């Protein structure tokens, strides 16, 4: 399991979609307004505690619509994983 505390500035976004994800992920909004893009739909997290879960193999991207703090839990852990 991996746990990530993310603090994002307004307008911050992933440069490219994550493709071929090897883990299941749960992303919980702590504060702010955060959008997760999944194939075929967009999920807006607007209230603290809002969350989204996606499974292994699901491509995704995200954008902070306001200054946002999110907690992401991913499993299983992938040794040496790091976004370039």
PDB file of N, CA and C in Angstrom:
ATOM      1  N   UNK A   1       0.848  -1.166   0.000  1.00  0.00           N
ATOM      2  CA  UNK A   1       0.000   0.000   0.000  1.00  0.00           C
ATOM      3  C   UNK A   1       0.899   1.236   0.000  1.00  0.00           C
ATOM      4  N   UNK A   2       0.473   2.258  -0.710  1.00  0.00           N
ATOM      5  CA  UNK A   2       1.165   3.544  -0.743  1.00  0.00           C
ATOM      6  C   UNK A   2       0.183   4.625  -0.317  1.00  0.00           C
ATOM      7  N   UNK A   3       0.663   5.577   0.464  1.00  0.00           N
ATOM      8  CA  UNK A   3      -0.166   6.703   0.884  1.00  0.00           C
ATOM      9  C   UNK A   3       0.546   7.983   0.481  1.00  0.00           C
ATOM     10  N   UNK A   4      -0.184   8.875  -0.153  1.00  0.00           N
ATOM     11  CA  UNK A   4       0.393  10.136  -0.629  1.00  0.00           C
ATOM     12  C   UNK A   4      -0.468  11.296  -0.158  1.00  0.00           C
ATOM     13  N   UNK A   5       0.156  12.299   0.436  1.00  0.00           N
ATOM     14  CA  UNK A   5      -0.503  13.546   0.827  1.00  0.00           C
ATOM     15  C   UNK A   5      -0.123  14.551  -0.241  1.00  0.00           C
ATOM     16  N   UNK A   6      -1.087  15.025  -1.007  1.00  0.00           N
ATOM     17  CA  UNK A   6      -0.794  15.949  -2.093  1.00  0.00           C
ATOM     18  C   UNK A   6      -1.349  17.332  -1.842  1.00  0.00           C
ATOM     19  N   UNK A   7      -0.497  18.335  -1.978  1.00  0.00           N
ATOM     20  CA  UNK A   7      -0.907  19.734  -1.855  1.00  0.00           C
ATOM     21  C   UNK A   7      -0.694  20.359  -3.231  1.00  0.00           C
ATOM     22  N   UNK A   8      -1.772  20.875  -3.834  1.00  0.00           N
ATOM     23  CA  UNK A   8      -1.731  21.356  -5.213  1.00  0.00           C
ATOM     24  C   UNK A   8      -2.242  22.787  -5.317  1.00  0.00           C
ATOM     25  N   UNK A   9      -1.559  23.569  -6.118  1.00  0.00           N
ATOM     26  CA  UNK A   9      -1.929  24.965  -6.353  1.00  0.00           C
ATOM     27  C   UNK A   9      -3.039  25.043  -7.399  1.00  0.00           C
ATOM     28  N   UNK A  10      -3.821  26.135  -7.407  1.00  0.00           N
ATOM     29  CA  UNK A  10      -4.883  26.286  -8.409  1.00  0.00           C
ATOM     30  C   UNK A  10      -4.304  26.168  -9.822  1.00  0.00           C
ATOM     31  N   UNK A  11      -4.956  25.373 -10.646  1.00  0.00           N
ATOM     32  CA  UNK A  11      -4.525  25.197 -12.028  1.00  0.00           C
ATOM     33  C   UNK A  11      -3.477  24.116 -12.227  1.00  0.00           C
ATOM     34  N   UNK A  12      -2.912  23.595 -11.144  1.00  0.00           N
ATOM     35  CA  UNK A  12      -1.920  22.521 -11.280  1.00  0.00           C
ATOM     36  C   UNK A  12      -2.608  21.291 -11.848  1.00  0.00           C
ATOM     37  N   UNK A  13      -1.917  20.604 -12.773  1.00  0.00           N
ATOM     38  CA  UNK A  13      -2.502  19.403 -13.375  1.00  0.00           C
ATOM     39  C   UNK A  13      -1.401  18.452 -13.806  1.00  0.00           C
ATOM     40  N   UNK A  14      -1.771  17.208 -14.048  1.00  0.00           N
ATOM     41  CA  UNK A  14      -0.815  16.233 -14.589  1.00  0.00           C
ATOM     42  C   UNK A  14      -0.480  16.655 -16.007  1.00  0.00           C
ATOM     43  N   UNK A  15       0.778  16.596 -16.352  1.00  0.00           N
ATOM     44  CA  UNK A  15       1.199  16.970 -17.705  1.00  0.00           C
ATOM     45  C   UNK A  15       0.649  15.984 -18.735  1.00  0.00           C
ATOM     46  N   UNK A  16       0.577  14.704 -18.380  1.00  0.00           N
ATOM     47  CA  UNK A  16       0.065  13.662 -19.278  1.00  0.00           C
ATOM     48  C   UNK A  16      -0.790  12.690 -18.480  1.00  0.00           C
ATOM     49  N   UNK A  17      -1.704  12.021 -19.162  1.00  0.00           N
ATOM     50  CA  UNK A  17      -2.508  10.995 -18.516  1.00  0.00           C
ATOM     51  C   UNK A  17      -1.611   9.842 -18.064  1.00  0.00           C
ATOM     52  N   UNK A  18      -1.950   9.250 -16.919  1.00  0.00           N
ATOM     53  CA  UNK A  18      -1.311   8.006 -16.490  1.00  0.00           C
ATOM     54  C   UNK A  18      -1.970   6.900 -17.307  1.00  0.00           C
ATOM     55  N   UNK A  19      -1.161   6.101 -17.976  1.00  0.00           N
ATOM     56  CA  UNK A  19      -1.692   5.012 -18.807  1.00  0.00           C
ATOM     57  C   UNK A  19      -1.180   3.678 -18.279  1.00  0.00           C
ATOM     58  N   UNK A  20      -2.049   2.692 -18.269  1.00  0.00           N
ATOM     59  CA  UNK A  20      -1.661   1.359 -17.836  1.00  0.00           C
ATOM     60  C   UNK A  20      -1.343   1.266 -16.356  1.00  0.00           C
ATOM     61  N   UNK A  21      -2.076   1.996 -15.539  1.00  0.00           N
ATOM     62  CA  UNK A  21      -1.863   1.987 -14.084  1.00  0.00           C
ATOM     63  C   UNK A  21      -1.883   0.554 -13.552  1.00  0.00           C
ATOM     64  N   UNK A  22      -0.919   0.227 -12.690  1.00  0.00           N
ATOM     65  CA  UNK A  22      -0.787  -1.130 -12.157  1.00  0.00           C
ATOM     66  C   UNK A  22      -1.427  -1.289 -10.783  1.00  0.00           C
ATOM     67  N   UNK A  23      -2.107  -0.229 -10.294  1.00  0.00           N
ATOM     68  CA  UNK A  23      -2.657  -0.261  -8.938  1.00  0.00           C
ATOM     69  C   UNK A  23      -4.107   0.202  -8.929  1.00  0.00           C
ATOM     70  N   UNK A  24      -4.800  -0.150  -7.859  1.00  0.00           N
ATOM     71  CA  UNK A  24      -6.097   0.430  -7.553  1.00  0.00           C
ATOM     72  C   UNK A  24      -5.822   1.674  -6.716  1.00  0.00           C
ATOM     73  N   UNK A  25      -6.636   2.721  -6.884  1.00  0.00           N
ATOM     74  CA  UNK A  25      -6.397   3.968  -6.151  1.00  0.00           C
ATOM     75  C   UNK A  25      -7.689   4.512  -5.557  1.00  0.00           C
ATOM     76  N   UNK A  26      -7.534   5.128  -4.392  1.00  0.00           N
ATOM     77  CA  UNK A  26      -8.597   5.859  -3.708  1.00  0.00           C
ATOM     78  C   UNK A  26      -8.053   7.262  -3.470  1.00  0.00           C
ATOM     79  N   UNK A  27      -8.747   8.283  -3.960  1.00  0.00           N
ATOM     80  CA  UNK A  27      -8.336   9.667  -3.755  1.00  0.00           C
ATOM     81  C   UNK A  27      -9.429  10.371  -2.973  1.00  0.00           C
ATOM     82  N   UNK A  28      -9.064  10.972  -1.828  1.00  0.00           N
ATOM     83  CA  UNK A  28     -10.004  11.651  -0.936  1.00  0.00           C
ATOM     84  C   UNK A  28      -9.657  13.136  -0.896  1.00  0.00           C
ATOM     85  N   UNK A  29     -10.656  13.997  -1.089  1.00  0.00           N
ATOM     86  CA  UNK A  29     -10.453  15.436  -0.984  1.00  0.00           C
ATOM     87  C   UNK A  29     -10.438  15.853   0.481  1.00  0.00           C
ATOM     88  N   UNK A  30      -9.360  16.516   0.895  1.00  0.00           N
ATOM     89  CA  UNK A  30      -9.265  17.058   2.240  1.00  0.00           C
ATOM     90  C   UNK A  30      -9.781  18.498   2.236  1.00  0.00           C
ATOM     91  N   UNK A  31      -9.329  19.282   1.245  1.00  0.00           N
ATOM     92  CA  UNK A  31      -9.790  20.663   1.097  1.00  0.00           C
ATOM     93  C   UNK A  31      -9.619  21.099  -0.348  1.00  0.00           C
ATOM     94  N   UNK A  32     -10.374  22.124  -0.738  1.00  0.00           N
ATOM     95  CA  UNK A  32     -10.264  22.678  -2.082  1.00  0.00           C
ATOM     96  C   UNK A  32     -11.318  22.145  -3.035  1.00  0.00           C
ATOM     97  N   UNK A  33     -10.935  22.108  -4.300  1.00  0.00           N
ATOM     98  CA  UNK A  33     -11.819  21.660  -5.385  1.00  0.00           C
ATOM     99  C   UNK A  33     -10.913  20.985  -6.399  1.00  0.00           C
ATOM    100  N   UNK A  34     -11.126  19.695  -6.657  1.00  0.00           N
ATOM    101  CA  UNK A  34     -10.185  18.868  -7.403  1.00  0.00           C
ATOM    102  C   UNK A  34     -10.952  18.015  -8.400  1.00  0.00           C
ATOM    103  N   UNK A  35     -10.467  17.955  -9.628  1.00  0.00           N
ATOM    104  CA  UNK A  35     -11.145  17.195 -10.682  1.00  0.00           C
ATOM    105  C   UNK A  35     -10.266  16.029 -11.122  1.00  0.00           C
ATOM    106  N   UNK A  36     -10.850  14.838 -11.182  1.00  0.00           N
ATOM    107  CA  UNK A  36     -10.172  13.644 -11.675  1.00  0.00           C
ATOM    108  C   UNK A  36     -10.821  13.260 -13.001  1.00  0.00           C
ATOM    109  N   UNK A  37      -9.984  13.089 -14.014  1.00  0.00           N
ATOM    110  CA  UNK A  37     -10.452  12.692 -15.342  1.00  0.00           C
ATOM    111  C   UNK A  37     -10.226  11.198 -15.507  1.00  0.00           C
ATOM    112  N   UNK A  38     -11.281  10.493 -15.859  1.00  0.00           N
ATOM    113  CA  UNK A  38     -11.241   9.066 -16.127  1.00  0.00           C
ATOM    114  C   UNK A  38     -11.791   8.848 -17.531  1.00  0.00           C
ATOM    115  N   UNK A  39     -11.498   7.731 -18.162  1.00  0.00           N
ATOM    116  CA  UNK A  39     -12.014   7.507 -19.511  1.00  0.00           C
ATOM    117  C   UNK A  39     -13.540   7.642 -19.557  1.00  0.00           C
ATOM    118  N   UNK A  40     -14.013   8.578 -20.354  1.00  0.00           N
ATOM    119  CA  UNK A  40     -15.451   8.738 -20.540  1.00  0.00           C
ATOM    120  C   UNK A  40     -16.158   9.610 -19.539  1.00  0.00           C
ATOM    121  N   UNK A  41     -15.490  10.022 -18.458  1.00  0.00           N
ATOM    122  CA  UNK A  41     -16.158  10.923 -17.523  1.00  0.00           C
ATOM    123  C   UNK A  41     -15.171  11.669 -16.626  1.00  0.00           C
ATOM    124  N   UNK A  42     -15.695  12.714 -16.033  1.00  0.00           N
ATOM    125  CA  UNK A  42     -14.925  13.600 -15.170  1.00  0.00           C
ATOM    126  C   UNK A  42     -15.592  13.599 -13.795  1.00  0.00           C
ATOM    127  N   UNK A  43     -14.789  13.509 -12.739  1.00  0.00           N
ATOM    128  CA  UNK A  43     -15.320  13.478 -11.381  1.00  0.00           C
ATOM    129  C   UNK A  43     -14.836  14.728 -10.652  1.00  0.00           C
ATOM    130  N   UNK A  44     -15.778  15.544 -10.165  1.00  0.00           N
ATOM    131  CA  UNK A  44     -15.443  16.741  -9.417  1.00  0.00           C
ATOM    132  C   UNK A  44     -15.566  16.459  -7.924  1.00  0.00           C
ATOM    133  N   UNK A  45     -14.475  16.656  -7.185  1.00  0.00           N
ATOM    134  CA  UNK A  45     -14.474  16.534  -5.737  1.00  0.00           C
ATOM    135  C   UNK A  45     -14.554  17.953  -5.196  1.00  0.00           C
ATOM    136  N   UNK A  46     -15.668  18.294  -4.537  1.00  0.00           N
ATOM    137  CA  UNK A  46     -15.920  19.683  -4.148  1.00  0.00           C
ATOM    138  C   UNK A  46     -16.115  19.872  -2.647  1.00  0.00           C
ATOM    139  N   UNK A  47     -16.420  18.820  -1.914  1.00  0.00           N
ATOM    140  CA  UNK A  47     -16.652  18.900  -0.474  1.00  0.00           C
ATOM    141  C   UNK A  47     -15.646  18.016   0.245  1.00  0.00           C
ATOM    142  N   UNK A  48     -15.080  18.465   1.365  1.00  0.00           N
ATOM    143  CA  UNK A  48     -14.167  17.602   2.111  1.00  0.00           C
ATOM    144  C   UNK A  48     -14.792  16.231   2.348  1.00  0.00           C
ATOM    145  N   UNK A  49     -14.013  15.207   2.080  1.00  0.00           N
ATOM    146  CA  UNK A  49     -14.519  13.837   2.216  1.00  0.00           C
ATOM    147  C   UNK A  49     -15.005  13.236   0.919  1.00  0.00           C
ATOM    148  N   UNK A  50     -15.251  14.061  -0.119  1.00  0.00           N
ATOM    149  CA  UNK A  50     -15.593  13.502  -1.433  1.00  0.00           C
ATOM    150  C   UNK A  50     -14.438  12.610  -1.876  1.00  0.00           C
ATOM    151  N   UNK A  51     -14.760  11.524  -2.567  1.00  0.00           N
ATOM    152  CA  UNK A  51     -13.699  10.609  -2.989  1.00  0.00           C
ATOM    153  C   UNK A  51     -14.037   9.957  -4.315  1.00  0.00           C
ATOM    154  N   UNK A  52     -13.002   9.379  -4.926  1.00  0.00           N
ATOM    155  CA  UNK A  52     -13.160   8.618  -6.153  1.00  0.00           C
ATOM    156  C   UNK A  52     -12.203   7.425  -6.064  1.00  0.00           C
ATOM    157  N   UNK A  53     -12.649   6.294  -6.583  1.00  0.00           N
ATOM    158  CA  UNK A  53     -11.848   5.073  -6.619  1.00  0.00           C
ATOM    159  C   UNK A  53     -11.786   4.610  -8.068  1.00  0.00           C
ATOM    160  N   UNK A  54     -10.598   4.202  -8.509  1.00  0.00           N
ATOM    161  CA  UNK A  54     -10.488   3.596  -9.834  1.00  0.00           C
ATOM    162  C   UNK A  54      -9.569   2.389  -9.735  1.00  0.00           C
ATOM    163  N   UNK A  55      -9.774   1.458 -10.631  1.00  0.00           N
ATOM    164  CA  UNK A  55      -9.081   0.177 -10.565  1.00  0.00           C
ATOM    165  C   UNK A  55      -7.847   0.090 -11.431  1.00  0.00           C
ATOM    166  N   UNK A  56      -7.178  -1.005 -11.256  1.00  0.00           N
ATOM    167  CA  UNK A  56      -5.987  -1.336 -12.032  1.00  0.00           C
ATOM    168  C   UNK A  56      -6.298  -1.222 -13.525  1.00  0.00           C
ATOM    169  N   UNK A  57      -5.389  -0.610 -14.257  1.00  0.00           N
ATOM    170  CA  UNK A  57      -5.543  -0.497 -15.701  1.00  0.00           C
ATOM    171  C   UNK A  57      -6.364   0.688 -16.171  1.00  0.00           C
ATOM    172  N   UNK A  58      -6.912   1.485 -15.244  1.00  0.00           N
ATOM    173  CA  UNK A  58      -7.743   2.629 -15.625  1.00  0.00           C
ATOM    174  C   UNK A  58      -6.853   3.867 -15.804  1.00  0.00           C
ATOM    175  N   UNK A  59      -6.824   4.406 -17.013  1.00  0.00           N
ATOM    176  CA  UNK A  59      -6.075   5.628 -17.287  1.00  0.00           C
ATOM    177  C   UNK A  59      -6.727   6.783 -16.543  1.00  0.00           C
ATOM    178  N   UNK A  60      -5.913   7.786 -16.166  1.00  0.00           N
ATOM    179  CA  UNK A  60      -6.484   8.913 -15.426  1.00  0.00           C
ATOM    180  C   UNK A  60      -5.580  10.138 -15.497  1.00  0.00           C
ATOM    181  N   UNK A  61      -6.158  11.268 -15.152  1.00  0.00           N
ATOM    182  CA  UNK A  61      -5.453  12.524 -15.034  1.00  0.00           C
ATOM    183  C   UNK A  61      -6.190  13.356 -13.991  1.00  0.00           C
ATOM    184  N   UNK A  62      -5.646  14.527 -13.642  1.00  0.00           N
ATOM    185  CA  UNK A  62      -6.308  15.358 -12.635  1.00  0.00           C
ATOM    186  C   UNK A  62      -5.937  16.821 -12.818  1.00  0.00           C
ATOM    187  N   UNK A  63      -6.745  17.680 -12.179  1.00  0.00           N
ATOM    188  CA  UNK A  63      -6.505  19.126 -12.197  1.00  0.00           C
ATOM    189  C   UNK A  63      -7.049  19.729 -10.904  1.00  0.00           C
ATOM    190  N   UNK A  64      -6.259  20.579 -10.263  1.00  0.00           N
ATOM    191  CA  UNK A  64      -6.708  21.303  -9.071  1.00  0.00           C
ATOM    192  C   UNK A  64      -7.432  22.562  -9.543  1.00  0.00           C
ATOM    193  N   UNK A  65      -8.731  22.635  -9.312  1.00  0.00           N
ATOM    194  CA  UNK A  65      -9.502  23.810  -9.717  1.00  0.00           C
ATOM    195  C   UNK A  65      -9.326  24.953  -8.726  1.00  0.00           C
ATOM    196  N   UNK A  66      -9.010  24.624  -7.480  1.00  0.00           N
ATOM    197  CA  UNK A  66      -8.666  25.581  -6.427  1.00  0.00           C
ATOM    198  C   UNK A  66      -7.467  24.989  -5.693  1.00  0.00           C
ATOM    199  N   UNK A  67      -6.840  25.770  -4.824  1.00  0.00           N
ATOM    200  CA  UNK A  67      -5.798  25.197  -3.968  1.00  0.00           C
ATOM    201  C   UNK A  67      -6.412  23.985  -3.266  1.00  0.00           C
ATOM    202  N   UNK A  68      -5.763  22.834  -3.380  1.00  0.00           N
ATOM    203  CA  UNK A  68      -6.370  21.591  -2.902  1.00  0.00           C
ATOM    204  C   UNK A  68      -5.366  20.729  -2.162  1.00  0.00           C
ATOM    205  N   UNK A  69      -5.893  20.022  -1.175  1.00  0.00           N
ATOM    206  CA  UNK A  69      -5.133  18.980  -0.493  1.00  0.00           C
ATOM    207  C   UNK A  69      -5.907  17.687  -0.663  1.00  0.00           C
ATOM    208  N   UNK A  70      -5.204  16.650  -1.110  1.00  0.00           N
ATOM    209  CA  UNK A  70      -5.839  15.350  -1.337  1.00  0.00           C
ATOM    210  C   UNK A  70      -4.990  14.258  -0.694  1.00  0.00           C
ATOM    211  N   UNK A  71      -5.662  13.198  -0.301  1.00  0.00           N
ATOM    212  CA  UNK A  71      -5.002  12.011   0.226  1.00  0.00           C
ATOM    213  C   UNK A  71      -5.260  10.888  -0.771  1.00  0.00           C
ATOM    214  N   UNK A  72      -4.188  10.269  -1.243  1.00  0.00           N
ATOM    215  CA  UNK A  72      -4.327   9.162  -2.192  1.00  0.00           C
ATOM    216  C   UNK A  72      -3.765   7.901  -1.558  1.00  0.00           C
ATOM    217  N   UNK A  73      -4.533   6.820  -1.638  1.00  0.00           N
ATOM    218  CA  UNK A  73      -4.089   5.501  -1.191  1.00  0.00           C
ATOM    219  C   UNK A  73      -4.093   4.605  -2.425  1.00  0.00           C
ATOM    220  N   UNK A  74      -2.934   3.950  -2.678  1.00  0.00           N
ATOM    221  CA  UNK A  74      -2.818   3.076  -3.849  1.00  0.00           C
ATOM    222  C   UNK A  74      -2.325   1.709  -3.401  1.00  0.00           C
ATOM    223  N   UNK A  75      -2.833   0.673  -4.053  1.00  0.00           N
ATOM    224  CA  UNK A  75      -2.382  -0.673  -3.733  1.00  0.00           C
ATOM    225  C   UNK A  75      -2.473  -1.549  -4.967  1.00  0.00           C
ATOM    226  N   UNK A  76      -1.581  -2.532  -5.097  1.00  0.00           N
ATOM    227  CA  UNK A  76      -0.433  -2.803  -4.238  1.00  0.00           C
ATOM    228  C   UNK A  76       0.683  -1.792  -4.497  1.00  0.00           C
ATOM    229  N   UNK A  77       1.647  -1.737  -3.608  1.00  0.00           N
ATOM    230  CA  UNK A  77       2.789  -0.856  -3.777  1.00  0.00           C
ATOM    231  C   UNK A  77       3.627  -1.336  -4.962  1.00  0.00           C
ATOM    232  N   UNK A  78       4.187  -0.397  -5.720  1.00  0.00           N
ATOM    233  CA  UNK A  78       5.069  -0.720  -6.841  1.00  0.00           C
ATOM    234  C   UNK A  78       6.466  -0.217  -6.478  1.00  0.00           C
ATOM    235  N   UNK A  79       7.399  -1.134  -6.163  1.00  0.00           N
ATOM    236  CA  UNK A  79       8.740  -0.699  -5.769  1.00  0.00           C
ATOM    237  C   UNK A  79       9.381   0.202  -6.826  1.00  0.00           C
ATOM    238  N   UNK A  80       9.955   1.311  -6.382  1.00  0.00           N
ATOM    239  CA  UNK A  80      10.658   2.219  -7.267  1.00  0.00           C
ATOM    240  C   UNK A  80       9.788   3.102  -8.125  1.00  0.00           C
ATOM    241  N   UNK A  81       8.450   3.077  -7.970  1.00  0.00           N
ATOM    242  CA  UNK A  81       7.568   3.894  -8.801  1.00  0.00           C
ATOM    243  C   UNK A  81       7.809   5.370  -8.521  1.00  0.00           C
ATOM    244  N   UNK A  82       7.936   6.134  -9.585  1.00  0.00           N
ATOM    245  CA  UNK A  82       8.112   7.578  -9.449  1.00  0.00           C
ATOM    246  C   UNK A  82       7.672   8.228 -10.759  1.00  0.00           C
ATOM    247  N   UNK A  83       6.896   9.292 -10.657  1.00  0.00           N
ATOM    248  CA  UNK A  83       6.477  10.032 -11.846  1.00  0.00           C
ATOM    249  C   UNK A  83       7.643  10.882 -12.309  1.00  0.00           C
ATOM    250  N   UNK A  84       7.956  10.827 -13.584  1.00  0.00           N
ATOM    251  CA  UNK A  84       9.060  11.617 -14.141  1.00  0.00           C
ATOM    252  C   UNK A  84       8.608  13.008 -14.458  1.00  0.00           C
TER     253      UNK A  84
END
